[in-house]
Amino acid sequence: MAVNGNLSAGISSLLLEAAVAGCGIAMLPELEARGAIASGTLEVVLPEWTPKALSVYGIYLSRDYQPDGLPLFLDALQRRLGEETGHG
C-alpha cells in the first residue's frame, strides 16, 4: 500500500530513521545526524539553509529549595551545549 503525505514528529531519531530508510528529506539537529552524514548514509541537501536557532531553558521550582548540585548541572549543560553547537 502506498502512503503519501508529510511525516512530522517531535522525536528527531524517528525522522532520522525515516530519512535513512529513504522516505524523503528531513530537517534534523546536527548532533542527531552527524554520524549518518559522516558515514555517508545521509547527505546534506540544502547546506545554505538553516532553521532558526532555538533556546534551551533550565526550569526549576524555586531558588529557595534548589538542590545543591543544580547550579553545577546547569553550568555544565550550558558549557556542553555551547561546545557542541559552537555557541559557547
PDB file of N, CA and C in Angstrom:
ATOM      1  N   MET A   1       0.835  -1.155   0.000  1.00  0.00           N
ATOM      2  CA  MET A   1       0.000   0.000   0.000  1.00  0.00           C
ATOM      3  C   MET A   1       0.895   1.239   0.000  1.00  0.00           C
ATOM      4  N   ALA A   2       0.668   2.111  -0.917  1.00  0.00           N
ATOM      5  CA  ALA A   2       1.423   3.361  -0.986  1.00  0.00           C
ATOM      6  C   ALA A   2       0.819   4.373  -0.020  1.00  0.00           C
ATOM      7  N   VAL A   3       1.697   5.086   0.658  1.00  0.00           N
ATOM      8  CA  VAL A   3       1.259   6.118   1.596  1.00  0.00           C
ATOM      9  C   VAL A   3       1.906   7.427   1.183  1.00  0.00           C
ATOM     10  N   ASN A   4       1.117   8.474   1.094  1.00  0.00           N
ATOM     11  CA  ASN A   4       1.617   9.800   0.730  1.00  0.00           C
ATOM     12  C   ASN A   4       1.386  10.766   1.879  1.00  0.00           C
ATOM     13  N   GLY A   5       2.153  11.831   1.905  1.00  0.00           N
ATOM     14  CA  GLY A   5       1.961  12.861   2.914  1.00  0.00           C
ATOM     15  C   GLY A   5       3.255  13.201   3.619  1.00  0.00           C
ATOM     16  N   ASN A   6       3.144  14.088   4.567  1.00  0.00           N
ATOM     17  CA  ASN A   6       4.299  14.540   5.338  1.00  0.00           C
ATOM     18  C   ASN A   6       4.379  13.780   6.649  1.00  0.00           C
ATOM     19  N   LEU A   7       5.587  13.570   7.111  1.00  0.00           N
ATOM     20  CA  LEU A   7       5.816  12.966   8.414  1.00  0.00           C
ATOM     21  C   LEU A   7       6.310  14.053   9.344  1.00  0.00           C
ATOM     22  N   SER A   8       5.626  14.227  10.436  1.00  0.00           N
ATOM     23  CA  SER A   8       6.021  15.204  11.444  1.00  0.00           C
ATOM     24  C   SER A   8       6.158  14.473  12.764  1.00  0.00           C
ATOM     25  N   ALA A   9       7.256  14.725  13.465  1.00  0.00           N
ATOM     26  CA  ALA A   9       7.477  14.050  14.738  1.00  0.00           C
ATOM     27  C   ALA A   9       8.267  14.954  15.663  1.00  0.00           C
ATOM     28  N   GLY A  10       8.006  14.829  16.937  1.00  0.00           N
ATOM     29  CA  GLY A  10       8.750  15.574  17.938  1.00  0.00           C
ATOM     30  C   GLY A  10       9.974  14.817  18.422  1.00  0.00           C
ATOM     31  N   ILE A  11      10.224  13.662  17.815  1.00  0.00           N
ATOM     32  CA  ILE A  11      11.362  12.826  18.193  1.00  0.00           C
ATOM     33  C   ILE A  11      12.287  12.746  16.983  1.00  0.00           C
ATOM     34  N   SER A  12      13.426  13.410  17.068  1.00  0.00           N
ATOM     35  CA  SER A  12      14.304  13.508  15.903  1.00  0.00           C
ATOM     36  C   SER A  12      14.854  12.158  15.468  1.00  0.00           C
ATOM     37  N   SER A  13      14.989  11.212  16.384  1.00  0.00           N
ATOM     38  CA  SER A  13      15.501   9.895  15.986  1.00  0.00           C
ATOM     39  C   SER A  13      14.536   9.193  15.039  1.00  0.00           C
ATOM     40  N   LEU A  14      13.236   9.440  15.179  1.00  0.00           N
ATOM     41  CA  LEU A  14      12.250   8.871  14.258  1.00  0.00           C
ATOM     42  C   LEU A  14      12.429   9.458  12.861  1.00  0.00           C
ATOM     43  N   LEU A  15      12.649  10.764  12.788  1.00  0.00           N
ATOM     44  CA  LEU A  15      12.872  11.410  11.495  1.00  0.00           C
ATOM     45  C   LEU A  15      14.174  10.932  10.861  1.00  0.00           C
ATOM     46  N   LEU A  16      15.192  10.726  11.677  1.00  0.00           N
ATOM     47  CA  LEU A  16      16.460  10.202  11.177  1.00  0.00           C
ATOM     48  C   LEU A  16      16.255   8.820  10.568  1.00  0.00           C
ATOM     49  N   GLU A  17      15.542   7.945  11.270  1.00  0.00           N
ATOM     50  CA  GLU A  17      15.278   6.599  10.748  1.00  0.00           C
ATOM     51  C   GLU A  17      14.505   6.656   9.436  1.00  0.00           C
ATOM     52  N   ALA A  18      13.528   7.551   9.345  1.00  0.00           N
ATOM     53  CA  ALA A  18      12.743   7.681   8.120  1.00  0.00           C
ATOM     54  C   ALA A  18      13.619   8.153   6.965  1.00  0.00           C
ATOM     55  N   ALA A  19      14.493   9.117   7.213  1.00  0.00           N
ATOM     56  CA  ALA A  19      15.382   9.609   6.155  1.00  0.00           C
ATOM     57  C   ALA A  19      16.343   8.515   5.704  1.00  0.00           C
ATOM     58  N   VAL A  20      16.902   7.777   6.648  1.00  0.00           N
ATOM     59  CA  VAL A  20      17.821   6.684   6.310  1.00  0.00           C
ATOM     60  C   VAL A  20      17.095   5.604   5.506  1.00  0.00           C
ATOM     61  N   ALA A  21      15.809   5.401   5.799  1.00  0.00           N
ATOM     62  CA  ALA A  21      15.016   4.393   5.088  1.00  0.00           C
ATOM     63  C   ALA A  21      14.587   4.864   3.702  1.00  0.00           C
ATOM     64  N   GLY A  22      14.933   6.106   3.347  1.00  0.00           N
ATOM     65  CA  GLY A  22      14.622   6.602   2.012  1.00  0.00           C
ATOM     66  C   GLY A  22      13.250   7.225   1.882  1.00  0.00           C
ATOM     67  N   CYS A  23      12.685   7.674   2.990  1.00  0.00           N
ATOM     68  CA  CYS A  23      11.335   8.244   2.965  1.00  0.00           C
ATOM     69  C   CYS A  23      11.310   9.722   2.591  1.00  0.00           C
ATOM     70  N   GLY A  24      12.438  10.297   2.248  1.00  0.00           N
ATOM     71  CA  GLY A  24      12.468  11.702   1.864  1.00  0.00           C
ATOM     72  C   GLY A  24      13.558  12.451   2.600  1.00  0.00           C
ATOM     73  N   ILE A  25      13.447  13.778   2.579  1.00  0.00           N
ATOM     74  CA  ILE A  25      14.432  14.599   3.274  1.00  0.00           C
ATOM     75  C   ILE A  25      13.901  14.941   4.661  1.00  0.00           C
ATOM     76  N   ALA A  26      14.802  15.294   5.555  1.00  0.00           N
ATOM     77  CA  ALA A  26      14.409  15.606   6.927  1.00  0.00           C
ATOM     78  C   ALA A  26      15.222  16.780   7.443  1.00  0.00           C
ATOM     79  N   MET A  27      14.598  17.584   8.270  1.00  0.00           N
ATOM     80  CA  MET A  27      15.309  18.633   8.984  1.00  0.00           C
ATOM     81  C   MET A  27      15.644  18.048  10.352  1.00  0.00           C
ATOM     82  N   LEU A  28      16.933  17.828  10.578  1.00  0.00           N
ATOM     83  CA  LEU A  28      17.393  17.155  11.786  1.00  0.00           C
ATOM     84  C   LEU A  28      18.398  18.009  12.537  1.00  0.00           C
ATOM     85  N   PRO A  29      18.443  17.855  13.858  1.00  0.00           N
ATOM     86  CA  PRO A  29      19.521  18.511  14.604  1.00  0.00           C
ATOM     87  C   PRO A  29      20.869  17.968  14.139  1.00  0.00           C
ATOM     88  N   GLU A  30      21.837  18.849  14.007  1.00  0.00           N
ATOM     89  CA  GLU A  30      23.164  18.433  13.546  1.00  0.00           C
ATOM     90  C   GLU A  30      23.728  17.316  14.416  1.00  0.00           C
ATOM     91  N   LEU A  31      23.542  17.426  15.723  1.00  0.00           N
ATOM     92  CA  LEU A  31      24.062  16.398  16.623  1.00  0.00           C
ATOM     93  C   LEU A  31      23.444  15.038  16.334  1.00  0.00           C
ATOM     94  N   GLU A  32      22.174  15.016  15.963  1.00  0.00           N
ATOM     95  CA  GLU A  32      21.474  13.762  15.679  1.00  0.00           C
ATOM     96  C   GLU A  32      21.947  13.151  14.360  1.00  0.00           C
ATOM     97  N   ALA A  33      22.205  13.987  13.368  1.00  0.00           N
ATOM     98  CA  ALA A  33      22.533  13.495  12.029  1.00  0.00           C
ATOM     99  C   ALA A  33      24.023  13.329  11.777  1.00  0.00           C
ATOM    100  N   ARG A  34      24.850  13.828  12.662  1.00  0.00           N
ATOM    101  CA  ARG A  34      26.299  13.859  12.438  1.00  0.00           C
ATOM    102  C   ARG A  34      26.873  12.500  12.039  1.00  0.00           C
ATOM    103  N   GLY A  35      26.519  11.448  12.752  1.00  0.00           N
ATOM    104  CA  GLY A  35      27.063  10.118  12.464  1.00  0.00           C
ATOM    105  C   GLY A  35      26.651   9.610  11.100  1.00  0.00           C
ATOM    106  N   ALA A  36      25.369   9.775  10.754  1.00  0.00           N
ATOM    107  CA  ALA A  36      24.870   9.302   9.460  1.00  0.00           C
ATOM    108  C   ALA A  36      25.481  10.092   8.309  1.00  0.00           C
ATOM    109  N   ILE A  37      25.738  11.364   8.512  1.00  0.00           N
ATOM    110  CA  ILE A  37      26.382  12.182   7.479  1.00  0.00           C
ATOM    111  C   ILE A  37      27.838  11.757   7.316  1.00  0.00           C
ATOM    112  N   ALA A  38      28.527  11.559   8.437  1.00  0.00           N
ATOM    113  CA  ALA A  38      29.943  11.160   8.385  1.00  0.00           C
ATOM    114  C   ALA A  38      30.127   9.806   7.714  1.00  0.00           C
ATOM    115  N   SER A  39      29.175   8.898   7.911  1.00  0.00           N
ATOM    116  CA  SER A  39      29.292   7.560   7.322  1.00  0.00           C
ATOM    117  C   SER A  39      28.823   7.515   5.873  1.00  0.00           C
ATOM    118  N   GLY A  40      28.214   8.605   5.397  1.00  0.00           N
ATOM    119  CA  GLY A  40      27.710   8.628   4.031  1.00  0.00           C
ATOM    120  C   GLY A  40      26.305   8.075   3.897  1.00  0.00           C
ATOM    121  N   THR A  41      25.695   7.686   5.011  1.00  0.00           N
ATOM    122  CA  THR A  41      24.325   7.171   4.981  1.00  0.00           C
ATOM    123  C   THR A  41      23.346   8.268   4.590  1.00  0.00           C
ATOM    124  N   LEU A  42      23.602   9.484   5.068  1.00  0.00           N
ATOM    125  CA  LEU A  42      22.808  10.654   4.697  1.00  0.00           C
ATOM    126  C   LEU A  42      23.741  11.712   4.133  1.00  0.00           C
ATOM    127  N   GLU A  43      23.170  12.607   3.348  1.00  0.00           N
ATOM    128  CA  GLU A  43      23.951  13.739   2.859  1.00  0.00           C
ATOM    129  C   GLU A  43      23.150  15.019   3.035  1.00  0.00           C
ATOM    130  N   VAL A  44      23.853  16.100   3.210  1.00  0.00           N
ATOM    131  CA  VAL A  44      23.219  17.409   3.354  1.00  0.00           C
ATOM    132  C   VAL A  44      22.777  17.863   1.974  1.00  0.00           C
ATOM    133  N   VAL A  45      21.494  18.240   1.834  1.00  0.00           N
ATOM    134  CA  VAL A  45      20.993  18.647   0.521  1.00  0.00           C
ATOM    135  C   VAL A  45      20.721  20.145   0.411  1.00  0.00           C
ATOM    136  N   LEU A  46      20.583  20.842   1.506  1.00  0.00           N
ATOM    137  CA  LEU A  46      20.363  22.289   1.475  1.00  0.00           C
ATOM    138  C   LEU A  46      21.328  22.966   2.454  1.00  0.00           C
ATOM    139  N   PRO A  47      22.633  22.944   2.158  1.00  0.00           N
ATOM    140  CA  PRO A  47      23.612  23.457   3.123  1.00  0.00           C
ATOM    141  C   PRO A  47      23.480  24.950   3.407  1.00  0.00           C
ATOM    142  N   GLU A  48      22.918  25.710   2.497  1.00  0.00           N
ATOM    143  CA  GLU A  48      22.803  27.152   2.702  1.00  0.00           C
ATOM    144  C   GLU A  48      21.587  27.521   3.552  1.00  0.00           C
ATOM    145  N   TRP A  49      20.728  26.550   3.840  1.00  0.00           N
ATOM    146  CA  TRP A  49      19.523  26.824   4.618  1.00  0.00           C
ATOM    147  C   TRP A  49      19.671  26.261   6.019  1.00  0.00           C
ATOM    148  N   THR A  50      19.461  27.110   7.018  1.00  0.00           N
ATOM    149  CA  THR A  50      19.491  26.637   8.406  1.00  0.00           C
ATOM    150  C   THR A  50      18.244  27.140   9.117  1.00  0.00           C
ATOM    151  N   PRO A  51      17.685  26.332   9.981  1.00  0.00           N
ATOM    152  CA  PRO A  51      16.494  26.772  10.709  1.00  0.00           C
ATOM    153  C   PRO A  51      16.854  27.801  11.773  1.00  0.00           C
ATOM    154  N   LYS A  52      15.858  28.479  12.251  1.00  0.00           N
ATOM    155  CA  LYS A  52      16.032  29.452  13.325  1.00  0.00           C
ATOM    156  C   LYS A  52      16.573  28.735  14.563  1.00  0.00           C
ATOM    157  N   ALA A  53      17.546  29.342  15.203  1.00  0.00           N
ATOM    158  CA  ALA A  53      18.114  28.764  16.423  1.00  0.00           C
ATOM    159  C   ALA A  53      17.072  28.778  17.536  1.00  0.00           C
ATOM    160  N   LEU A  54      17.069  27.723  18.308  1.00  0.00           N
ATOM    161  CA  LEU A  54      16.142  27.612  19.429  1.00  0.00           C
ATOM    162  C   LEU A  54      16.908  27.739  20.738  1.00  0.00           C
ATOM    163  N   SER A  55      16.233  28.207  21.739  1.00  0.00           N
ATOM    164  CA  SER A  55      16.836  28.334  23.062  1.00  0.00           C
ATOM    165  C   SER A  55      16.490  27.121  23.912  1.00  0.00           C
ATOM    166  N   VAL A  56      17.352  26.846  24.869  1.00  0.00           N
ATOM    167  CA  VAL A  56      17.110  25.793  25.846  1.00  0.00           C
ATOM    168  C   VAL A  56      17.063  26.457  27.212  1.00  0.00           C
ATOM    169  N   TYR A  57      16.053  26.134  27.982  1.00  0.00           N
ATOM    170  CA  TYR A  57      15.898  26.724  29.305  1.00  0.00           C
ATOM    171  C   TYR A  57      15.925  25.643  30.371  1.00  0.00           C
ATOM    172  N   GLY A  58      16.618  25.910  31.467  1.00  0.00           N
ATOM    173  CA  GLY A  58      16.575  25.039  32.641  1.00  0.00           C
ATOM    174  C   GLY A  58      15.557  25.619  33.607  1.00  0.00           C
ATOM    175  N   ILE A  59      14.493  24.891  33.867  1.00  0.00           N
ATOM    176  CA  ILE A  59      13.411  25.386  34.718  1.00  0.00           C
ATOM    177  C   ILE A  59      13.388  24.580  36.010  1.00  0.00           C
ATOM    178  N   TYR A  60      13.323  25.278  37.109  1.00  0.00           N
ATOM    179  CA  TYR A  60      13.258  24.607  38.407  1.00  0.00           C
ATOM    180  C   TYR A  60      12.282  25.370  39.287  1.00  0.00           C
ATOM    181  N   LEU A  61      11.828  24.729  40.347  1.00  0.00           N
ATOM    182  CA  LEU A  61      10.735  25.247  41.160  1.00  0.00           C
ATOM    183  C   LEU A  61      11.063  26.558  41.865  1.00  0.00           C
ATOM    184  N   SER A  62      12.130  26.592  42.620  1.00  0.00           N
ATOM    185  CA  SER A  62      12.415  27.773  43.430  1.00  0.00           C
ATOM    186  C   SER A  62      13.898  27.834  43.761  1.00  0.00           C
ATOM    187  N   ARG A  63      14.437  29.024  43.796  1.00  0.00           N
ATOM    188  CA  ARG A  63      15.831  29.173  44.212  1.00  0.00           C
ATOM    189  C   ARG A  63      15.988  28.845  45.702  1.00  0.00           C
ATOM    190  N   ASP A  64      14.923  29.006  46.463  1.00  0.00           N
ATOM    191  CA  ASP A  64      14.988  28.747  47.904  1.00  0.00           C
ATOM    192  C   ASP A  64      15.214  27.277  48.228  1.00  0.00           C
ATOM    193  N   TYR A  65      14.715  26.388  47.400  1.00  0.00           N
ATOM    194  CA  TYR A  65      14.770  24.960  47.707  1.00  0.00           C
ATOM    195  C   TYR A  65      15.472  24.145  46.632  1.00  0.00           C
ATOM    196  N   GLN A  66      16.372  24.751  45.904  1.00  0.00           N
ATOM    197  CA  GLN A  66      17.042  24.014  44.831  1.00  0.00           C
ATOM    198  C   GLN A  66      18.110  23.089  45.407  1.00  0.00           C
ATOM    199  N   PRO A  67      18.269  21.904  44.813  1.00  0.00           N
ATOM    200  CA  PRO A  67      19.337  21.000  45.256  1.00  0.00           C
ATOM    201  C   PRO A  67      20.703  21.665  45.054  1.00  0.00           C
ATOM    202  N   ASP A  68      21.653  21.312  45.897  1.00  0.00           N
ATOM    203  CA  ASP A  68      22.988  21.914  45.828  1.00  0.00           C
ATOM    204  C   ASP A  68      23.650  21.723  44.468  1.00  0.00           C
ATOM    205  N   GLY A  69      23.384  20.603  43.825  1.00  0.00           N
ATOM    206  CA  GLY A  69      24.033  20.306  42.552  1.00  0.00           C
ATOM    207  C   GLY A  69      23.396  20.964  41.346  1.00  0.00           C
ATOM    208  N   LEU A  70      22.224  21.585  41.507  1.00  0.00           N
ATOM    209  CA  LEU A  70      21.522  22.156  40.355  1.00  0.00           C
ATOM    210  C   LEU A  70      22.328  23.231  39.632  1.00  0.00           C
ATOM    211  N   PRO A  71      22.905  24.218  40.315  1.00  0.00           N
ATOM    212  CA  PRO A  71      23.698  25.218  39.584  1.00  0.00           C
ATOM    213  C   PRO A  71      24.880  24.594  38.842  1.00  0.00           C
ATOM    214  N   LEU A  72      25.507  23.602  39.440  1.00  0.00           N
ATOM    215  CA  LEU A  72      26.623  22.922  38.771  1.00  0.00           C
ATOM    216  C   LEU A  72      26.142  22.207  37.516  1.00  0.00           C
ATOM    217  N   PHE A  73      24.988  21.530  37.623  1.00  0.00           N
ATOM    218  CA  PHE A  73      24.427  20.834  36.468  1.00  0.00           C
ATOM    219  C   PHE A  73      24.086  21.813  35.353  1.00  0.00           C
ATOM    220  N   LEU A  74      23.418  22.914  35.690  1.00  0.00           N
ATOM    221  CA  LEU A  74      23.032  23.888  34.665  1.00  0.00           C
ATOM    222  C   LEU A  74      24.256  24.521  34.009  1.00  0.00           C
ATOM    223  N   ASP A  75      25.290  24.811  34.783  1.00  0.00           N
ATOM    224  CA  ASP A  75      26.530  25.356  34.216  1.00  0.00           C
ATOM    225  C   ASP A  75      27.189  24.352  33.275  1.00  0.00           C
ATOM    226  N   ALA A  76      27.231  23.080  33.691  1.00  0.00           N
ATOM    227  CA  ALA A  76      27.834  22.042  32.853  1.00  0.00           C
ATOM    228  C   ALA A  76      27.036  21.861  31.569  1.00  0.00           C
ATOM    229  N   LEU A  77      25.718  21.892  31.678  1.00  0.00           N
ATOM    230  CA  LEU A  77      24.862  21.756  30.499  1.00  0.00           C
ATOM    231  C   LEU A  77      25.088  22.912  29.536  1.00  0.00           C
ATOM    232  N   GLN A  78      25.179  24.120  30.070  1.00  0.00           N
ATOM    233  CA  GLN A  78      25.420  25.294  29.231  1.00  0.00           C
ATOM    234  C   GLN A  78      26.763  25.187  28.511  1.00  0.00           C
ATOM    235  N   ARG A  79      27.806  24.775  29.233  1.00  0.00           N
ATOM    236  CA  ARG A  79      29.122  24.620  28.599  1.00  0.00           C
ATOM    237  C   ARG A  79      29.072  23.547  27.514  1.00  0.00           C
ATOM    238  N   ARG A  80      28.448  22.410  27.808  1.00  0.00           N
ATOM    239  CA  ARG A  80      28.413  21.299  26.853  1.00  0.00           C
ATOM    240  C   ARG A  80      27.645  21.674  25.596  1.00  0.00           C
ATOM    241  N   LEU A  81      26.479  22.277  25.759  1.00  0.00           N
ATOM    242  CA  LEU A  81      25.702  22.680  24.588  1.00  0.00           C
ATOM    243  C   LEU A  81      26.445  23.741  23.789  1.00  0.00           C
ATOM    244  N   GLY A  82      27.139  24.632  24.463  1.00  0.00           N
ATOM    245  CA  GLY A  82      27.933  25.642  23.769  1.00  0.00           C
ATOM    246  C   GLY A  82      29.055  25.026  22.966  1.00  0.00           C
ATOM    247  N   GLU A  83      29.717  24.005  23.524  1.00  0.00           N
ATOM    248  CA  GLU A  83      30.791  23.306  22.807  1.00  0.00           C
ATOM    249  C   GLU A  83      30.242  22.579  21.589  1.00  0.00           C
ATOM    250  N   GLU A  84      29.125  21.887  21.761  1.00  0.00           N
ATOM    251  CA  GLU A  84      28.556  21.079  20.682  1.00  0.00           C
ATOM    252  C   GLU A  84      28.037  21.933  19.534  1.00  0.00           C
ATOM    253  N   THR A  85      27.489  23.095  19.851  1.00  0.00           N
ATOM    254  CA  THR A  85      26.877  23.924  18.820  1.00  0.00           C
ATOM    255  C   THR A  85      27.775  25.049  18.336  1.00  0.00           C
ATOM    256  N   GLY A  86      28.899  25.270  19.024  1.00  0.00           N
ATOM    257  CA  GLY A  86      29.779  26.367  18.646  1.00  0.00           C
ATOM    258  C   GLY A  86      29.279  27.715  19.123  1.00  0.00           C
ATOM    259  N   HIS A  87      28.347  27.719  20.067  1.00  0.00           N
ATOM    260  CA  HIS A  87      27.793  28.971  20.584  1.00  0.00           C
ATOM    261  C   HIS A  87      28.193  29.216  22.027  1.00  0.00           C
ATOM    262  N   GLY A  88      29.266  28.601  22.472  1.00  0.00           N
ATOM    263  CA  GLY A  88      29.638  28.753  23.875  1.00  0.00           C
ATOM    264  C   GLY A  88      30.823  29.556  24.002  1.00  0.00           C
TER     265      GLY A  88
END
